[in-house]
N, C-alpha and C. Protein backbone atom coordinates (compact mmCIF):
# COMPACT_ATOMS: atom_id res chain seq x y z
N MET A 1 -10.26 1.38 16.31
CA MET A 1 -9.48 0.62 15.67
C MET A 1 -9.42 1.24 14.23
N SER A 2 -8.15 2.15 13.87
CA SER A 2 -7.91 2.28 12.23
C SER A 2 -7.86 1.10 11.36
N LYS A 3 -8.80 1.46 10.40
CA LYS A 3 -8.44 0.62 9.34
C LYS A 3 -6.90 0.43 8.07
N PRO A 4 -6.76 -0.76 8.35
CA PRO A 4 -5.21 -0.84 7.86
C PRO A 4 -5.64 -0.63 6.36
N GLN A 5 -4.15 0.11 6.08
CA GLN A 5 -4.21 1.15 4.62
C GLN A 5 -3.24 -0.23 3.65
N THR A 6 -3.74 -0.49 2.64
CA THR A 6 -3.14 -1.41 1.84
C THR A 6 -2.19 -0.48 1.04
N GLN A 7 -1.15 -1.64 0.83
CA GLN A 7 0.09 -0.76 -0.21
C GLN A 7 -0.11 -1.71 -1.21
N HIS A 8 1.02 -1.14 -2.32
CA HIS A 8 1.12 -1.50 -3.37
C HIS A 8 2.96 -2.11 -3.26
N GLY A 9 3.85 -1.90 -2.78
CA GLY A 9 4.68 -1.85 -2.77
C GLY A 9 5.66 -1.02 -3.72
N TYR A 10 7.07 -0.90 -4.03
CA TYR A 10 7.85 -0.58 -5.26
C TYR A 10 8.61 -1.14 -5.90
N ILE A 11 8.31 -1.13 -7.14
CA ILE A 11 9.30 -2.18 -7.91
C ILE A 11 10.42 -1.80 -8.65
N TYR A 12 11.89 -2.12 -8.24
CA TYR A 12 13.29 -1.55 -8.95
C TYR A 12 13.71 -2.47 -9.53
N LEU A 13 14.67 -2.04 -10.04
CA LEU A 13 15.47 -2.90 -11.10
C LEU A 13 17.11 -3.17 -9.52
N GLY A 14 17.34 -4.44 -9.28
CA GLY A 14 18.18 -5.04 -8.37
C GLY A 14 19.57 -4.40 -8.75
N ALA A 15 20.45 -4.32 -7.41
CA ALA A 15 21.89 -3.75 -7.82
C ALA A 15 22.66 -4.46 -8.93
N ASP A 16 22.29 -5.74 -9.34
CA ASP A 16 23.09 -6.58 -10.14
C ASP A 16 22.75 -6.12 -11.47
N GLY A 17 21.55 -5.63 -11.54
CA GLY A 17 20.65 -5.40 -13.21
C GLY A 17 20.16 -6.42 -13.48
N LYS A 18 20.24 -7.53 -12.95
CA LYS A 18 19.56 -8.50 -13.35
C LYS A 18 18.34 -9.42 -13.30
N ALA A 19 17.68 -8.67 -12.04
CA ALA A 19 16.18 -8.84 -11.55
C ALA A 19 15.32 -7.98 -11.12
N PHE A 20 14.13 -7.92 -10.73
CA PHE A 20 12.90 -7.12 -10.42
C PHE A 20 12.62 -7.36 -8.82
N HIS A 21 12.70 -6.49 -8.15
CA HIS A 21 12.78 -6.74 -6.75
C HIS A 21 11.41 -5.90 -6.38
N ILE A 22 10.83 -6.22 -5.48
CA ILE A 22 9.60 -5.35 -4.97
C ILE A 22 9.84 -4.71 -3.31
N ARG A 23 9.71 -3.66 -2.97
CA ARG A 23 9.89 -3.36 -1.45
C ARG A 23 8.03 -2.69 -0.96
N TYR A 24 8.67 -3.43 0.45
CA TYR A 24 7.17 -3.05 1.11
C TYR A 24 7.26 -3.26 2.45
N TYR A 25 6.63 -2.80 3.45
CA TYR A 25 6.66 -3.00 4.58
C TYR A 25 5.61 -4.15 5.65
N VAL A 26 5.87 -4.76 6.47
CA VAL A 26 5.32 -5.68 6.96
C VAL A 26 4.93 -5.20 8.46
N HIS A 27 3.99 -5.81 9.39
CA HIS A 27 3.92 -5.38 10.62
C HIS A 27 3.92 -6.58 11.21
N GLN A 28 5.20 -6.30 12.19
CA GLN A 28 5.70 -7.54 13.22
C GLN A 28 5.50 -6.85 14.76
N ASN A 29 4.66 -7.46 15.79
CA ASN A 29 5.02 -7.51 16.94
C ASN A 29 4.75 -6.15 17.26
N GLY A 30 3.78 -5.32 16.41
CA GLY A 30 3.26 -3.62 16.26
C GLY A 30 4.14 -3.09 15.99
N VAL A 31 5.63 -3.33 14.98
CA VAL A 31 5.97 -2.55 14.79
C VAL A 31 6.33 -2.53 13.20
N ARG A 32 6.23 -1.59 12.06
CA ARG A 32 6.62 -1.64 11.01
C ARG A 32 7.86 -1.59 10.82
N LYS A 33 8.23 -2.76 9.63
CA LYS A 33 9.37 -3.15 8.87
C LYS A 33 9.51 -3.17 7.79
N GLN A 34 10.44 -2.44 6.89
CA GLN A 34 10.28 -2.75 5.45
C GLN A 34 11.59 -3.86 4.80
N ARG A 35 11.20 -4.63 4.26
CA ARG A 35 11.38 -5.35 3.98
C ARG A 35 11.23 -5.60 1.82
N SER A 36 12.35 -6.24 1.46
CA SER A 36 12.51 -6.31 -0.29
C SER A 36 12.68 -7.91 -0.36
N ARG A 37 12.14 -8.35 -1.78
CA ARG A 37 12.07 -9.64 -2.22
C ARG A 37 12.20 -9.54 -3.48
N LYS A 38 12.63 -10.39 -3.76
CA LYS A 38 13.12 -10.96 -5.65
C LYS A 38 11.84 -11.48 -6.44
N LEU A 39 11.53 -10.63 -7.32
CA LEU A 39 9.94 -10.68 -8.36
C LEU A 39 10.45 -11.86 -9.53
N CYS A 40 11.44 -11.07 -10.15
CA CYS A 40 11.55 -12.01 -12.00
C CYS A 40 12.49 -11.41 -12.08
N VAL A 41 13.31 -12.38 -12.67
CA VAL A 41 14.99 -12.02 -13.61
C VAL A 41 14.60 -11.27 -14.76
N LYS A 42 15.12 -10.15 -15.25
CA LYS A 42 15.04 -9.54 -16.39
C LYS A 42 15.10 -10.33 -17.21
N ASP A 43 13.89 -10.28 -18.52
CA ASP A 43 14.31 -10.74 -19.70
C ASP A 43 12.96 -10.28 -20.90
N ASP A 44 13.02 -11.14 -22.08
CA ASP A 44 12.31 -10.19 -22.96
C ASP A 44 10.82 -10.17 -22.23
N ALA A 45 10.66 -11.38 -21.65
CA ALA A 45 9.20 -11.64 -20.79
C ALA A 45 8.71 -10.20 -19.75
N HIS A 46 9.72 -9.79 -19.29
CA HIS A 46 9.62 -8.91 -17.88
C HIS A 46 10.91 -7.84 -18.42
N PRO A 47 10.76 -7.13 -19.44
CA PRO A 47 11.36 -5.97 -19.84
C PRO A 47 11.92 -4.85 -19.01
N SER A 48 10.92 -4.11 -18.27
CA SER A 48 11.22 -3.21 -17.11
C SER A 48 10.02 -3.32 -15.86
N ASN A 49 10.62 -2.48 -15.27
CA ASN A 49 9.61 -2.89 -14.34
C ASN A 49 7.94 -2.44 -14.49
N ASP A 50 7.42 -1.57 -15.22
CA ASP A 50 6.47 -0.80 -15.78
C ASP A 50 5.87 -1.94 -16.43
N ALA A 51 6.59 -3.41 -17.24
CA ALA A 51 5.52 -3.91 -18.36
C ALA A 51 4.82 -4.78 -17.37
N PRO A 52 3.49 -5.10 -17.73
CA PRO A 52 2.09 -5.64 -17.21
C PRO A 52 2.44 -7.17 -16.58
N ALA A 53 3.50 -7.99 -17.15
CA ALA A 53 3.90 -9.27 -16.48
C ALA A 53 4.39 -8.98 -15.21
N VAL A 54 5.37 -7.83 -15.11
CA VAL A 54 5.79 -7.35 -13.72
C VAL A 54 4.91 -7.22 -12.63
N ILE A 55 4.22 -5.84 -12.96
CA ILE A 55 3.01 -5.33 -12.65
C ILE A 55 2.13 -6.58 -11.93
N ALA A 56 1.47 -7.60 -12.56
CA ALA A 56 0.80 -8.66 -12.22
C ALA A 56 1.07 -9.34 -11.15
N LEU A 57 2.44 -9.50 -11.28
CA LEU A 57 3.55 -10.50 -9.92
C LEU A 57 3.24 -9.77 -8.57
N ALA A 58 4.33 -8.36 -9.45
CA ALA A 58 3.22 -7.44 -7.96
C ALA A 58 2.37 -7.41 -6.79
N GLU A 59 1.20 -7.16 -7.93
CA GLU A 59 -0.02 -6.98 -7.14
C GLU A 59 -0.52 -8.57 -6.55
N GLU A 60 -0.22 -9.66 -6.97
CA GLU A 60 -0.28 -10.99 -6.67
C GLU A 60 0.59 -11.29 -5.54
N PHE A 61 1.50 -10.79 -5.44
CA PHE A 61 2.34 -10.84 -4.11
C PHE A 61 1.90 -9.85 -2.98
N MET A 62 1.64 -8.42 -3.43
CA MET A 62 1.01 -7.81 -2.34
C MET A 62 -0.06 -7.84 -2.12
N ALA A 63 -1.12 -8.55 -2.24
CA ALA A 63 -2.21 -9.02 -1.93
C ALA A 63 -2.19 -10.12 -0.72
N THR A 64 -1.22 -10.77 -0.74
CA THR A 64 -0.75 -11.81 0.02
C THR A 64 -0.41 -11.14 1.49
N ILE A 65 0.72 -9.63 0.91
CA ILE A 65 1.19 -8.92 1.93
C ILE A 65 0.12 -8.35 2.97
N ASN A 66 -0.69 -7.77 2.28
CA ASN A 66 -1.75 -7.15 2.54
C ASN A 66 -2.57 -7.96 3.51
N ALA A 67 -3.00 -9.11 3.18
CA ALA A 67 -3.63 -9.91 3.97
C ALA A 67 -3.08 -10.12 5.50
N ALA A 68 -1.78 -10.11 5.44
CA ALA A 68 -1.00 -10.80 6.50
C ALA A 68 -0.68 -9.71 7.64
N ASN A 69 -0.64 -8.57 6.57
CA ASN A 69 -0.46 -7.34 7.69
C ASN A 69 -1.87 -6.90 8.38
N ALA A 70 -3.17 -6.95 7.44
CA ALA A 70 -4.16 -6.68 8.17
C ALA A 70 -4.70 -8.03 9.54
N ALA A 71 -4.24 -9.08 9.34
CA ALA A 71 -4.38 -10.07 10.28
C ALA A 71 -3.64 -9.45 11.71
N ASN A 72 -2.42 -9.14 11.51
CA ASN A 72 -1.30 -8.79 12.38
C ASN A 72 -1.50 -7.14 13.01
N ASP A 73 -2.70 -6.79 12.38
CA ASP A 73 -3.15 -5.16 13.09
C ASP A 73 -4.53 -5.29 13.84
N THR A 74 -5.06 -6.50 13.86
CA THR A 74 -6.16 -6.93 15.03
C THR A 74 -5.43 -7.08 16.17
N GLN A 75 -4.57 -6.56 16.66
CA GLN A 75 -4.03 -6.73 18.18
C GLN A 75 -4.95 -5.76 18.91
N ARG A 76 -4.86 -6.00 20.29
CA ARG A 76 -5.46 -5.16 20.81
C ARG A 76 -5.09 -3.73 21.06
N GLY A 77 -5.28 -2.44 21.56
CA GLY A 77 -4.98 -1.53 21.78
C GLY A 77 -5.56 -0.24 20.99
N HIS A 78 -4.82 0.82 21.03
CA HIS A 78 -5.76 1.71 20.56
C HIS A 78 -4.60 2.95 20.26
N SER A 79 -4.95 4.12 19.71
CA SER A 79 -4.08 5.17 18.88
C SER A 79 -3.10 5.71 19.72
N CYS A 80 -2.02 5.74 19.71
CA CYS A 80 -1.23 6.53 20.91
C CYS A 80 -1.48 7.72 20.11
N PRO A 81 -1.42 8.92 21.75
CA PRO A 81 -1.35 10.52 21.55
C PRO A 81 -0.32 11.02 21.40
N ILE A 82 1.00 10.14 20.89
CA ILE A 82 2.56 11.09 20.85
C ILE A 82 2.39 10.29 19.53
N CYS A 83 2.44 9.30 18.93
CA CYS A 83 2.86 9.06 17.36
C CYS A 83 1.70 8.89 16.45
N GLY A 84 0.48 8.77 17.07
CA GLY A 84 -0.30 8.33 16.29
C GLY A 84 -0.88 7.04 15.83
N ASN A 85 0.11 6.22 16.25
CA ASN A 85 0.00 4.90 15.86
C ASN A 85 -0.18 4.14 17.08
N ARG A 86 -0.62 2.95 16.66
CA ARG A 86 -0.65 2.08 17.86
C ARG A 86 1.06 1.24 18.42
N CYS A 87 0.93 1.52 19.56
CA CYS A 87 2.29 1.05 20.50
C CYS A 87 2.40 0.40 21.52
N LYS A 88 3.64 -0.28 21.60
CA LYS A 88 3.66 -0.68 23.13
C LYS A 88 2.90 -0.59 24.43
N ARG A 89 3.51 0.74 24.61
CA ARG A 89 3.23 1.72 25.80
C ARG A 89 2.00 1.76 26.20
N THR A 90 0.86 2.24 24.87
CA THR A 90 -0.55 2.21 25.31
C THR A 90 -1.20 0.77 24.89
N ILE A 91 -0.73 -0.27 24.98
CA ILE A 91 -1.53 -1.88 24.57
C ILE A 91 -0.96 -1.95 26.14
N GLU A 92 0.16 -1.99 26.93
CA GLU A 92 0.56 -1.79 28.13
C GLU A 92 -0.05 -1.49 29.08
N GLN A 93 -0.70 0.27 29.01
CA GLN A 93 -1.34 0.54 29.92
C GLN A 93 0.10 1.54 30.65
N LYS A 94 1.02 2.03 30.18
CA LYS A 94 2.36 2.61 30.78
C LYS A 94 1.78 4.11 30.43
N PHE A 95 1.29 4.27 29.32
CA PHE A 95 1.17 5.64 29.17
C PHE A 95 -0.29 6.13 29.14
N ALA A 96 -1.27 5.45 28.79
CA ALA A 96 -2.35 6.12 28.50
C ALA A 96 -3.40 5.72 29.92
N PRO A 97 -3.74 6.61 30.09
CA PRO A 97 -4.98 6.78 31.73
C PRO A 97 -5.74 5.39 31.95
N LYS A 98 -5.45 4.74 32.66
CA LYS A 98 -6.26 3.56 32.59
C LYS A 98 -7.56 4.13 33.40
N VAL A 99 -9.05 3.42 32.75
CA VAL A 99 -10.13 4.06 32.99
C VAL A 99 -10.91 2.94 34.13
């Protein structure tokens, strides 16, 4: 089984221009899905997405996401020869030959 990759997330200013959000991926039932979460409001303490306070909030949040993804990746299965990832067909032995 491959080692799960850690991710850092993508910090961006929301559409309203008033808050910073982080974009990240979660693994649910063997499927990778993109999610977003509000980190903080844009103010004097958090002036830009490169500010140390914003980066610290993002790193703290991503540590919990990476731990959850690692727990979800411990499901049984192996790498799919078609897509290179663990997929439903290989877990259910519908594509991979039985040994």
